[in-house]
């Protein structure tokens, strides 16, 4: 699953997702590993969507979409040169939280933003969008 696929999945849901957390953990922190599949386990009762397959067993993904503190860590991992903003309010009928990553320098441009009914989900989605935008800038010869 690519980062764009993860973003698309998060845009379609408004609930924290352990499976997506596993993909994010593998994409940014444990690049040599992969999210676990149900057939990796001895039985169906041992499988958890947030599991990550390692050489010697299984690890648990960081709960980026569940916990604001972990979402903040993801922002720092993806864009250490940026500041993050998280606000609660009824900006639209659908969402309670809005999140942004902004440049610290150069006019504080918005790098990524998102809305959700879950604070951690909004911040995670904003961080992923900032990452894609940065990657697109590198491909185009910017940044």
Protein backbone atom coordinates (compact mmCIF):
# COMPACT_ATOMS: atom_id res chain seq x y z
CA UNK A 1 0.00 0.00 0.00
CA UNK A 2 1.46 3.34 -1.05
CA UNK A 3 1.24 6.55 0.96
CA UNK A 4 -1.34 7.79 -1.55
CA UNK A 5 -3.40 4.61 -0.93
CA UNK A 6 -3.19 5.20 2.83
CA UNK A 7 -4.38 8.79 2.37
CA UNK A 8 -7.25 7.67 0.17
CA UNK A 9 -8.31 5.08 2.74
CA UNK A 10 -8.18 7.61 5.57
CA UNK A 11 -10.21 10.11 3.54
CA UNK A 12 -12.98 7.52 3.22
CA UNK A 13 -13.16 6.67 6.90
CA UNK A 14 -13.67 8.64 10.04
CA UNK A 15 -12.50 5.99 12.45
CA UNK A 16 -9.02 5.12 13.74
CA UNK A 17 -7.65 2.06 11.94
CA UNK A 18 -5.01 -0.33 13.31
CA UNK A 19 -4.29 -1.80 9.88
CA UNK A 20 -3.52 1.65 8.50
CA UNK A 21 -1.34 2.31 11.56
CA UNK A 22 0.65 -0.82 10.62
CA UNK A 23 1.16 0.43 7.06
CA UNK A 24 2.25 3.88 8.31
CA UNK A 25 4.65 2.35 10.86
CA UNK A 26 6.26 0.23 8.15
CA UNK A 27 6.43 3.12 5.67
CA UNK A 28 8.19 5.56 8.01
CA UNK A 29 9.71 3.78 11.00
CA UNK A 30 10.25 0.08 10.24
CA UNK A 31 10.90 0.18 6.52
CA UNK A 32 12.44 -3.30 6.42
CA UNK A 33 9.24 -4.88 7.82
CA UNK A 34 5.69 -5.34 6.56
CA UNK A 35 2.21 -5.38 8.08
CA UNK A 36 1.22 -8.88 9.17
CA UNK A 37 -1.41 -10.92 7.37
CA UNK A 38 -3.88 -13.29 9.07
CA UNK A 39 -2.11 -16.33 7.57
CA UNK A 40 1.16 -15.28 9.31
CA UNK A 41 -0.28 -16.45 12.63
CA UNK A 42 -0.88 -19.87 14.14
CA UNK A 43 -4.59 -19.25 14.27
CA UNK A 44 -7.17 -16.63 13.40
CA UNK A 45 -7.58 -15.65 17.06
CA UNK A 46 -3.98 -14.43 17.35
CA UNK A 47 -4.15 -11.97 14.44
CA UNK A 48 -4.56 -8.27 15.13
CA UNK A 49 -4.78 -5.72 12.28
CA UNK A 50 -2.09 -3.57 13.89
CA UNK A 51 0.49 -6.39 13.90
CA UNK A 52 3.76 -6.09 12.02
CA UNK A 53 5.69 -9.16 10.89
CA UNK A 54 9.31 -9.30 11.99
CA UNK A 55 11.97 -11.95 11.59
CA UNK A 56 11.47 -13.24 15.13
CA UNK A 57 7.76 -12.69 15.63
CA UNK A 58 5.45 -9.75 15.63
CA UNK A 59 5.46 -6.12 16.72
CA UNK A 60 2.57 -3.75 17.30
CA UNK A 61 2.17 -0.68 15.12
CA UNK A 62 2.30 2.78 16.62
CA UNK A 63 -1.31 4.00 17.05
CA UNK A 64 -1.04 7.09 14.85
CA UNK A 65 -4.74 7.24 13.98
CA UNK A 66 -5.79 6.51 17.58
CA UNK A 67 -3.55 8.73 19.73
CA UNK A 68 -2.70 12.41 19.27
CA UNK A 69 0.73 12.01 20.88
CA UNK A 70 1.71 9.38 18.33
CA UNK A 71 0.28 11.52 15.52
CA UNK A 72 2.48 14.39 16.72
CA UNK A 73 5.48 12.05 16.63
CA UNK A 74 4.59 11.20 13.03
CA UNK A 75 4.50 14.91 12.16
CA UNK A 76 7.97 15.31 13.64
CA UNK A 77 9.23 12.25 11.76
CA UNK A 78 7.82 13.34 8.41
CA UNK A 79 8.54 17.07 8.61
CA UNK A 80 10.90 17.98 11.47
CA UNK A 81 11.19 21.43 9.89
CA UNK A 82 7.46 22.15 10.34
CA UNK A 83 5.07 23.12 13.10
CA UNK A 84 1.72 21.43 13.55
CA UNK A 85 -1.60 22.96 14.50
CA UNK A 86 -4.64 21.09 15.78
CA UNK A 87 -7.91 22.83 16.52
CA UNK A 88 -11.34 21.77 17.66
CA UNK A 89 -14.42 23.50 16.39
CA UNK A 90 -17.39 23.01 14.15
CA UNK A 91 -15.89 24.37 10.92
CA UNK A 92 -18.26 22.24 8.87
CA UNK A 93 -21.20 20.01 9.62
CA UNK A 94 -19.05 16.91 9.20
CA UNK A 95 -15.84 17.53 11.16
CA UNK A 96 -14.88 18.53 14.67
CA UNK A 97 -11.09 18.79 14.24
CA UNK A 98 -8.80 20.50 11.78
CA UNK A 99 -5.05 19.95 11.52
CA UNK A 100 -2.23 21.61 9.59
CA UNK A 101 1.50 21.28 9.16
CA UNK A 102 3.14 24.61 8.31
CA UNK A 103 6.62 25.71 7.40
CA UNK A 104 8.48 27.42 10.22
CA UNK A 105 10.32 29.67 7.81
CA UNK A 106 9.46 31.20 4.44
CA UNK A 107 5.99 32.59 5.11
CA UNK A 108 4.64 29.62 7.05
CA UNK A 109 3.08 27.97 3.99
CA UNK A 110 0.62 25.15 4.64
CA UNK A 111 2.35 21.85 3.88
CA UNK A 112 -0.58 19.56 4.64
CA UNK A 113 -4.02 19.87 6.18
CA UNK A 114 -7.01 17.69 7.03
CA UNK A 115 -10.33 17.57 8.88
CA UNK A 116 -11.86 14.70 10.84
CA UNK A 117 -14.06 13.89 13.80
CA UNK A 118 -10.97 12.35 15.46
CA UNK A 119 -8.06 14.60 16.38
CA UNK A 120 -5.36 11.96 15.83
CA UNK A 121 -6.80 11.01 12.46
CA UNK A 122 -6.83 14.65 11.29
CA UNK A 123 -3.21 15.19 12.35
CA UNK A 124 -2.05 11.90 10.80
CA UNK A 125 -3.76 12.71 7.51
CA UNK A 126 -2.26 16.23 7.47
CA UNK A 127 1.22 14.75 8.05
CA UNK A 128 0.80 12.22 5.24
CA UNK A 129 -0.38 14.94 2.85
CA UNK A 130 2.66 17.04 3.80
CA UNK A 131 4.90 14.06 3.02
CA UNK A 132 3.34 13.55 -0.42
CA UNK A 133 3.62 17.24 -1.17
CA UNK A 134 7.30 17.18 -0.19
CA UNK A 135 7.93 14.10 -2.35
CA UNK A 136 6.18 15.76 -5.30
CA UNK A 137 8.38 18.84 -4.79
CA UNK A 138 11.53 16.72 -4.83
CA UNK A 139 10.41 14.97 -8.01
CA UNK A 140 9.74 18.32 -9.66
CA UNK A 141 13.15 19.65 -8.65
CA UNK A 142 11.84 21.89 -5.89
CA UNK A 143 12.52 21.70 -2.18
